[in-house]
Each structure stands twice: as structure tokens, then as C-alpha cells.
Protein backbone atom coordinates (compact mmCIF):
# COMPACT_ATOMS: atom_id res chain seq x y z
CA MET A 1 0.12 0.05 0.03
CA GLY A 2 1.26 3.35 -1.00
CA ARG A 3 0.89 6.76 0.52
CA VAL A 4 -2.44 8.25 0.12
CA THR A 5 -2.21 11.58 -1.63
CA PRO A 6 -4.87 14.17 -0.98
CA ARG A 7 -6.82 15.56 -4.03
CA MET A 8 -6.86 19.41 -3.86
CA THR A 9 -8.04 22.07 -6.35
CA THR A 10 -5.68 24.81 -7.24
CA PRO A 11 -7.37 27.39 -4.81
CA GLY A 12 -7.04 24.58 -2.08
CA ARG A 13 -3.49 24.20 -2.59
CA LEU A 14 -2.88 27.96 -2.56
CA LEU A 15 -4.83 28.21 0.60
CA VAL A 16 -2.75 25.37 2.28
CA LEU A 17 0.53 26.81 1.02
CA ALA A 18 -0.32 30.27 2.45
CA LEU A 19 -1.26 28.50 5.73
CA ALA A 20 2.14 26.79 5.74
CA LEU A 21 3.95 30.08 5.01
CA LEU A 22 2.06 31.81 7.95
CA LEU A 23 3.07 28.99 10.21
CA GLY A 24 6.77 29.70 9.39
CA GLY A 25 7.60 26.18 8.11
CA GLY A 26 6.39 24.67 11.39
CA CYS A 27 5.96 21.27 9.87
CA SER A 28 9.60 20.34 10.12
CA ASN A 29 10.62 17.63 12.42
CA LYS A 30 12.44 20.30 14.52
CA GLN A 31 9.12 22.23 15.21
CA LYS A 32 6.36 19.74 14.62
CA LYS A 33 7.43 16.62 16.64
CA LEU A 34 4.96 14.15 14.93
CA SER A 35 5.82 15.24 11.44
CA GLY A 36 5.98 12.43 8.90
CA GLY A 37 8.07 14.32 6.44
CA GLY A 38 7.51 14.59 2.82
CA ASP A 39 6.60 17.63 0.83
CA ILE A 40 5.01 20.76 2.42
CA LEU A 41 1.52 20.07 1.34
CA GLY A 42 1.80 16.52 2.59
CA GLN A 43 3.11 17.74 5.98
CA VAL A 44 0.24 20.29 6.27
CA TYR A 45 -2.50 17.85 5.20
CA TYR A 46 -1.26 14.87 7.33
CA ASP A 47 0.35 16.52 10.28
CA LEU A 48 -1.64 19.70 10.80
CA LEU A 49 -5.03 18.85 9.39
CA GLY A 50 -5.07 15.30 10.64
CA GLY A 51 -5.09 13.42 7.41
CA GLN A 52 -4.70 9.62 7.61
CA ARG A 53 -1.81 8.05 5.85
CA ALA A 54 -1.86 4.50 4.62
CA PRO A 55 -1.42 1.85 7.40
CA SER A 56 1.91 0.90 5.73
CA HIS A 57 3.29 4.27 6.72
CA TYR A 58 2.48 3.88 10.41
CA PHE A 59 3.55 0.26 10.35
CA GLY A 60 7.04 1.39 8.97
CA VAL A 61 7.32 4.04 11.56
CA LEU A 62 6.61 1.50 14.32
CA GLN A 63 8.89 -1.22 12.96
CA GLY A 64 11.70 0.94 11.88
CA SER A 65 12.23 2.59 15.20
CA ARG A 66 13.32 -0.44 17.01
CA ASP A 67 16.25 -3.01 16.92
CA PRO A 68 14.47 -6.27 15.77
CA GLU A 69 16.45 -8.32 18.24
CA SER A 70 16.13 -6.36 21.61
CA PHE A 71 13.19 -4.28 20.60
CA ALA A 72 14.96 -1.31 21.93
CA TYR A 73 14.34 2.23 20.60
CA ARG A 74 16.82 3.52 18.02
CA MET A 75 16.72 7.10 19.51
CA GLY A 76 19.50 8.52 17.26
CA ASP A 77 19.03 12.30 17.14
CA ASP A 78 15.14 12.23 17.17
CA PRO A 79 13.93 13.21 20.68
CA TYR A 80 10.35 12.64 19.61
CA LEU A 81 10.61 8.89 18.51
CA VAL A 82 8.43 7.63 21.21
CA ASP A 83 5.64 10.20 20.56
CA LYS A 84 5.71 9.13 16.94
CA ASN A 85 5.38 5.59 17.90
CA ILE A 86 2.45 6.17 20.15
CA ASP A 87 0.72 8.23 17.36
CA ALA A 88 1.43 5.32 14.96
CA ILE A 89 -0.02 2.70 17.30
CA THR A 90 -3.19 4.91 17.65
CA ARG A 91 -3.46 5.31 13.99
CA LEU A 92 -3.01 1.58 13.27
CA GLY A 93 -5.83 0.74 15.64
CA GLY A 94 -8.29 2.75 13.77
CA ALA A 95 -7.06 2.05 10.21
CA GLU A 96 -8.76 0.33 7.37
CA TYR A 97 -6.83 -2.56 5.87
CA GLY A 98 -6.97 -3.64 2.39
CA ARG A 99 -5.62 -7.16 3.12
CA LEU A 100 -5.92 -9.51 6.04
CA GLU A 101 -2.15 -10.18 5.80
CA GLY A 102 -1.44 -6.54 6.52
CA LEU A 103 -3.66 -6.62 9.47
CA ALA A 104 -2.02 -9.81 10.71
CA ASN A 105 1.47 -8.30 10.50
CA THR A 106 0.18 -5.17 12.40
CA VAL A 107 -1.37 -7.40 15.33
CA ALA A 108 1.86 -9.31 15.54
CA LEU A 109 3.98 -6.14 15.77
CA MET A 110 1.49 -4.43 18.24
CA LEU A 111 1.88 -7.59 20.42
CA GLU A 112 5.55 -7.06 20.82
CA VAL A 113 4.82 -3.30 21.76
CA LEU A 114 2.22 -4.38 24.27
CA LEU A 115 4.56 -6.90 25.95
CA GLU A 116 8.11 -5.48 25.37
CA ASP A 117 8.02 -1.76 24.80
CA ALA A 118 10.09 0.29 27.18
CA SER A 119 7.33 2.90 27.22
CA ALA A 120 4.39 2.37 29.39
CA LEU A 121 2.31 4.92 27.40
CA ALA A 122 3.06 2.84 24.12
CA ARG A 123 1.90 -0.39 25.91
CA SER A 124 -1.21 1.23 27.14
CA GLN A 125 -2.12 2.45 23.53
CA ALA A 126 -1.20 -0.89 22.01
CA ALA A 127 -3.75 -2.56 24.43
CA CYS A 128 -6.38 -0.13 23.29
CA SER A 129 -5.62 -0.51 19.67
CA LEU A 130 -5.48 -4.33 19.76
CA ALA A 131 -8.91 -4.27 21.42
CA ARG A 132 -10.29 -2.02 18.74
CA LEU A 133 -8.89 -4.32 15.97
CA GLY A 134 -10.07 -7.40 17.71
CA ALA A 135 -13.70 -6.06 18.09
CA ARG A 136 -14.01 -5.79 14.34
CA LEU A 137 -13.14 -9.39 13.83
CA PRO A 138 -15.90 -12.12 13.23
CA ARG A 139 -16.21 -14.65 16.02
CA TYR A 140 -15.92 -18.51 15.51
CA ALA A 141 -17.70 -20.54 18.30
CA ALA A 142 -15.88 -23.82 17.76
CA ARG A 143 -12.57 -24.22 19.64
CA GLY A 144 -10.06 -27.03 18.29
CA PRO A 145 -7.61 -29.08 20.25
CA LEU A 146 -4.91 -27.50 22.37
CA ASP A 147 -1.50 -27.25 20.93
CA ASP A 148 1.70 -26.48 22.67
CA GLY A 149 3.39 -25.49 19.33
CA THR A 150 4.24 -29.02 18.22
CA ARG A 151 1.41 -29.28 15.91
CA LEU A 152 1.74 -25.83 14.78
CA ALA A 153 5.37 -26.74 13.64
CA ALA A 154 4.20 -29.66 11.83
CA ALA A 155 1.34 -27.91 10.03
CA LEU A 156 3.76 -24.89 9.08
CA ALA A 157 6.15 -27.41 7.62
CA GLU A 158 3.34 -29.17 5.59
CA VAL A 159 1.97 -25.86 4.16
CA SER A 160 5.57 -24.82 3.19
CA GLY A 161 6.11 -28.26 1.49
CA LEU A 162 2.80 -27.98 -0.53
CA LEU A 163 3.74 -24.47 -1.67
CA ALA A 164 6.97 -25.74 -2.81
CA GLU A 165 5.30 -28.62 -4.84
CA GLY A 166 3.46 -25.91 -6.78
CA ALA A 167 0.46 -27.34 -8.85
CA ALA A 168 1.03 -30.89 -7.37
CA GLY A 169 0.24 -29.66 -3.86
CA ARG A 170 -2.63 -27.51 -4.54
CA SER A 171 -5.50 -30.04 -3.91
CA ARG A 172 -4.24 -30.33 -0.28
CA LEU A 173 -3.29 -26.72 0.47
CA ALA A 174 -6.56 -25.33 1.64
CA GLY A 175 -7.12 -28.18 4.16
CA ALA A 176 -3.47 -27.81 5.52
CA VAL A 177 -4.03 -24.12 5.97
CA ALA A 178 -7.36 -24.67 7.67
CA VAL A 179 -5.56 -27.02 10.30
CA ILE A 180 -3.51 -23.98 11.45
CA GLY A 181 -6.54 -22.01 12.25
CA SER A 182 -8.23 -24.94 14.11
CA PHE A 183 -5.72 -25.23 17.09
CA GLN A 184 -6.29 -23.58 20.51
CA TYR A 185 -2.56 -22.47 21.07
CA GLU A 186 -1.36 -22.80 24.66
CA PRO A 187 0.91 -20.78 25.39
CA GLY A 188 -0.84 -18.25 23.12
CA VAL A 189 2.56 -16.89 21.88
CA TYR A 190 2.35 -19.55 19.19
CA ALA A 191 -0.66 -17.76 17.83
CA LYS A 192 1.63 -14.79 17.07
CA LYS A 193 4.00 -17.08 15.22
CA ALA A 194 1.28 -18.42 13.17
CA LEU A 195 0.28 -14.80 12.23
CA GLN A 196 3.70 -13.96 11.19
CA PHE A 197 3.72 -17.15 9.01
CA PHE A 198 0.56 -15.92 7.26
CA GLY A 199 1.61 -12.41 6.93
CA THR A 200 5.18 -12.97 5.47
CA THR A 201 4.86 -16.16 3.31
CA PRO A 202 4.85 -15.22 -0.42
CA GLY A 203 2.90 -18.11 -1.52
CA LEU A 204 0.04 -17.45 0.81
CA VAL A 205 0.14 -13.71 0.56
CA ASP A 206 -0.20 -13.77 -3.17
CA GLU A 207 -2.85 -16.60 -3.25
CA ARG A 208 -5.92 -15.97 -5.55
CA ASP A 209 -7.65 -19.44 -5.66
CA PRO A 210 -11.08 -18.90 -4.05
CA GLU A 211 -11.01 -22.01 -2.03
CA VAL A 212 -7.46 -21.64 -0.52
CA ARG A 213 -8.29 -17.89 -0.22
CA THR A 214 -11.07 -18.53 1.91
CA ALA A 215 -9.21 -21.04 3.96
CA ILE A 216 -6.43 -18.48 4.47
CA ASP A 217 -8.76 -15.77 5.50
CA THR A 218 -10.66 -17.85 7.93
CA ALA A 219 -7.41 -19.23 9.64
CA VAL A 220 -5.98 -15.64 9.97
CA VAL A 221 -9.13 -14.41 11.65
CA LYS A 222 -9.19 -17.37 14.07
CA VAL A 223 -5.53 -17.04 15.00
CA MET A 224 -5.57 -13.19 15.10
CA ARG A 225 -8.24 -13.20 17.80
CA GLN A 226 -6.30 -15.83 19.85
CA ALA A 227 -3.13 -13.64 19.52
CA ILE A 228 -4.96 -10.43 20.56
CA VAL A 229 -6.49 -12.14 23.57
CA TYR A 230 -3.22 -13.79 24.56
CA GLY A 231 -1.57 -10.38 24.52
CA LEU A 232 -4.20 -8.66 26.56
CA THR A 233 -4.24 -11.46 29.02
CA ALA A 234 -0.51 -11.46 29.45
CA ALA A 235 -0.59 -7.64 29.87
CA ILE A 236 -2.69 -7.94 33.09
CA GLU A 237 0.58 -9.05 34.86
CA GLY A 238 2.48 -5.90 33.65
CA PRO A 239 4.20 -3.38 35.98
CA ALA A 240 2.14 -0.30 35.13
CA ASP A 241 -1.36 -0.28 36.67
CA PHE A 242 -3.02 1.76 33.88
CA VAL A 243 -1.69 -0.72 31.20
CA ARG A 244 -3.23 -3.60 33.36
CA ALA A 245 -6.46 -1.60 33.31
CA ASP A 246 -6.38 -0.99 29.69
CA ALA A 247 -5.79 -4.74 29.06
CA LEU A 248 -8.75 -5.61 31.21
CA ARG A 249 -10.98 -3.07 29.19
CA GLY A 250 -9.85 -4.77 26.09
CA LEU A 251 -10.81 -8.27 27.29
CA ARG A 252 -14.16 -6.72 28.31
CA VAL A 253 -14.67 -5.27 24.80
CA LEU A 254 -13.89 -8.59 23.27
CA ARG A 255 -16.11 -10.47 25.90
CA GLU A 256 -13.53 -13.11 26.05
CA PRO A 257 -14.39 -15.99 28.56
CA GLY A 258 -11.00 -17.73 28.10
CA SER A 259 -9.25 -15.11 30.33
CA VAL A 260 -11.45 -15.45 33.45
CA GLU A 261 -9.08 -17.85 35.13
CA ALA A 262 -6.06 -15.52 34.53
CA VAL A 263 -7.97 -12.58 35.98
CA ARG A 264 -9.05 -14.63 38.98
CA THR A 265 -5.52 -15.60 39.73
CA ARG A 266 -4.28 -12.04 39.37
CA LEU A 267 -6.92 -10.49 41.65
CA PRO A 268 -5.50 -11.48 45.10
CA LEU A 269 -2.27 -9.78 43.96
CA GLU A 270 -3.80 -6.67 42.63
CA VAL A 271 -3.00 -3.56 44.80
CA SER A 272 -4.74 -1.03 42.48
CA PRO A 273 -8.42 -0.49 43.17
CA THR A 274 -8.81 0.86 39.68
CA VAL A 275 -7.48 -2.34 38.17
CA ARG A 276 -9.71 -4.41 40.36
CA GLY A 277 -12.68 -2.34 39.18
CA GLU A 278 -11.83 -2.93 35.59
CA ALA A 279 -11.53 -6.67 36.47
CA ALA A 280 -15.02 -6.61 37.97
CA ASP A 281 -16.33 -4.96 34.75
CA TYR A 282 -14.76 -7.60 32.70
CA LEU A 283 -15.96 -10.41 34.74
CA GLY A 284 -19.48 -8.98 34.62
CA SER A 285 -19.35 -9.22 30.87
CA VAL A 286 -18.68 -12.96 30.98
CA ALA A 287 -21.64 -15.11 32.30
CA SER A 288 -19.91 -18.14 33.86
CA PRO A 289 -19.68 -19.84 37.17
CA ALA A 290 -16.07 -18.84 37.53
CA SER A 291 -16.76 -15.30 36.75
CA VAL A 292 -19.70 -15.04 39.31
CA GLU A 293 -17.45 -16.73 42.01
CA ALA A 294 -14.95 -14.03 41.53
CA LEU A 295 -17.48 -11.23 41.57
CA VAL A 296 -19.01 -12.57 44.77
CA ALA A 297 -15.54 -12.47 46.36
CA LEU A 298 -15.05 -8.81 45.11
CA LEU A 299 -18.31 -7.80 47.06
CA GLN A 300 -15.98 -7.98 50.09
CA ASP A 301 -13.27 -5.73 48.58
CA VAL A 302 -11.81 -2.96 50.78
CA ASP A 303 -12.67 -0.45 48.21
CA GLY A 304 -16.17 0.84 47.90
CA SER A 305 -16.00 1.54 44.07
CA VAL A 306 -14.77 -2.01 43.49
CA ARG A 307 -17.67 -3.51 45.54
CA TRP A 308 -20.06 -1.47 43.61
CA LYS A 309 -18.74 -2.61 40.27
CA ALA A 310 -18.91 -6.23 41.53
CA ARG A 311 -22.41 -5.79 42.40
CA GLN A 312 -23.08 -4.14 38.87
CA GLY A 313 -21.40 -6.99 37.22
CA LEU A 314 -23.45 -9.52 39.10
CA THR A 315 -26.65 -7.72 38.23
CA ARG A 316 -25.75 -7.79 34.51
CA VAL A 317 -25.24 -11.57 34.69
CA ALA A 318 -28.37 -12.22 36.68
CA GLY A 319 -30.73 -9.65 35.27
CA GLU A 320 -31.57 -8.51 38.84
CA ASP A 321 -30.05 -6.83 41.58
CA LEU A 322 -29.86 -8.83 44.77
CA GLY A 323 -28.04 -6.37 46.94
CA HIS A 324 -24.64 -5.89 48.42
CA ARG A 325 -24.43 -9.02 50.62
CA ALA A 326 -22.76 -12.11 49.32
CA GLY A 327 -25.43 -14.62 50.59
CA PRO A 328 -28.20 -13.80 48.07
CA TRP A 329 -25.92 -13.94 45.30
CA GLN A 330 -24.47 -17.34 46.30
CA ARG A 331 -27.91 -18.78 46.65
CA TRP A 332 -28.80 -17.43 43.17
CA ALA A 333 -25.55 -19.05 41.75
CA ARG A 334 -26.12 -22.29 43.18
CA GLU A 335 -29.59 -22.38 41.64
CA ARG A 336 -28.24 -21.52 38.24
CA TRP A 337 -25.01 -23.54 38.44
CA PRO A 338 -25.49 -26.48 40.85
CA GLY A 339 -21.68 -27.19 40.68
CA VAL A 340 -20.58 -23.59 41.69
CA ALA A 341 -18.28 -23.39 44.76
CA PHE A 342 -17.41 -20.56 47.20
CA PRO A 343 -14.43 -20.52 49.67
CA GLU A 344 -16.64 -21.20 52.72
CA ASP A 345 -18.01 -24.42 51.01
CA ALA A 346 -14.51 -25.71 50.99
CA ALA A 347 -13.95 -24.55 54.63
CA ALA A 348 -17.36 -26.29 55.71
CA ALA A 349 -16.12 -29.56 54.04
CA VAL A 350 -13.14 -29.80 56.34
CA PRO A 351 -13.85 -32.08 59.25
CA ALA A 352 -13.64 -30.53 62.79
CA GLY A 353 -10.86 -31.52 65.08
């Protein structure tokens, strides 16, 4: 994808040029920190008037500013490099992508930002942008077998072999590609590896056969959602509380039930009431026995706002408000899910003496 060039009439060009002259050339990198360079009209349109460049431009900014091995910033003589990265992350989260492979590459790079970036602000914005991208993806209800990376390695090797065979391997290519999208990757980092394979393998990127193309697109969407959920779930263990909060907001937007256990495990260690409140909001978006158990526990939180959010979350799940005490909610939960358990149940089962 090339750079988008704005269409302007001659009077429009003169007006923009006059504006640039009045600003005293303020679009240069020295005076306008987020300038993307280019000719004066382009700088005014994109940097001052807020025009949107092609996603490839922002991807290039994000990718080119870091060492690929250490993921450390190549600061050089640009004091505004981190600002430009945060702007690029924001733009990529709201961009329109012409090809799923471009979106797959963006998600893979954004995951690295979310989990490895030296800037907490960049990690925060990556969580928000990943949630925005994930919310636009179609959902597939069926979950395949768990894979620890072993099956993925075999599947990638098979697809690569079929691509090398050319016409001889075409009849089996769609099925082999579909296998990659069928796995439930644990750990989730392998979903990122699958995305990188789809986004960078020439034989797949250039594929035009309708059957194979459909298999590729379906597999990419399935893997992409897994990768986004993996990144957001991992980010709730990060050092910055506002990044943890953003990650939980992202999981709530995606209504992802698979992260409930990770959130429950984190809650006893979470010192920020803001983050615990976001956890309550997330748990309230997932109607499951595990989420209700965690919400009932949060009714006893030391922070009043967290207790209120826990009550709101339970009300969303139940469809009615049973108050601020745990007892009524426990009775309701046992009626809905007979196998649900609370800490006092385990304590009561221990024989006395």
C-alpha cells in the first residue's frame, strides 16, 4: 500500500501553502514533533489537518524505530521517536486494511509493543488499539484441540512443503491451511508465530484461488483473535497499573471468557483498586460460574467502588439486583449452576478437630 495523496483544487493548494507560510515552516521535525516528512503540502495535510496516511506508513514508523533483536528504541537524534510511535499505534488501531495479511502483521507487531516496549504509554495504547482491531473481527464459536506448538510446527512445515510442490500440492493446500486455524494455542505466543507465517509467506500472501483464499482468511481471523486475547491477558501481569487496566478493558470489549481464570489468579495480588474495578467490569461481561465466583468475592473488597462494580457485574449476569451482601448472590448462583463453589463451601467440608 502506497501513501495516500490528498486531492486538492488549485485554490485549495494555494490556501494550504499560504497557511504553511504563515506557520513559518512549522511542519519540520524540529518544530512539529509528529511530522512524517514529505513535501510541504503533505506535511500540512497529514500533520496539521489530521489526514490519515496509509497503514503501511504507520507500520513502517513502528517497525523501523526499534532494533529487531532487543526491541529497544533506535533513538538517534530524534527526541520525539516515542511520541511518533504512540501516534502510529493509535492510527493503526483505527485504520482500514485492504488485506488481512497486513492486519495480521500489524497485530503481531503490536503484540511486541504491548509486551516488550520500554514506554508504558506505548504499551497502554497498544492494548487499546488491539482491542479495537479485535472487536472488528468475526467470531468463531468452535474451539479446536490444544497445541503447545508441536502441531503448529508440523502444520507450518506441511504448508511450506505444499507451496514448494506448486500445482502438485494445490489440492491439499486449503485443508492444510485450515488446520493452522483450528488449534487452540497454549501458550498463546504460538498464535503470534502463526500470524507472522501468514503475513510473510509469499505463496500465501499472493494466493488467489477462491477455496485456498477462503481457508487462509478464515484461519488468519481465528488465529488473530487468539493472539490479541493472549497479549491482553498477558498484559494484566505488567508493571504499570494503567496498562493492566487498559488490558482488562480490552478483554471486556472482546467479551473473552477464556481469560477468566487468569484474571481470578491475578486479583488477590492486585494492589490497584482501579484495576480491580476493571476486573469486575470484565467479569461482569462473562456469564460463567467462575466469573460469578470471582465477583461474589469482590463484594468484600476494601474499596467501595470495587464493591459497587462487582454488584453491577453480578446484576448484569443475573438480570436482577440482589443487593450488596454475598449470601443472596451465592444462593442465586447455586440455583443456576449447581456445581458452583465458594470459599466457605470448602471450609465447611473440612472435618472438625
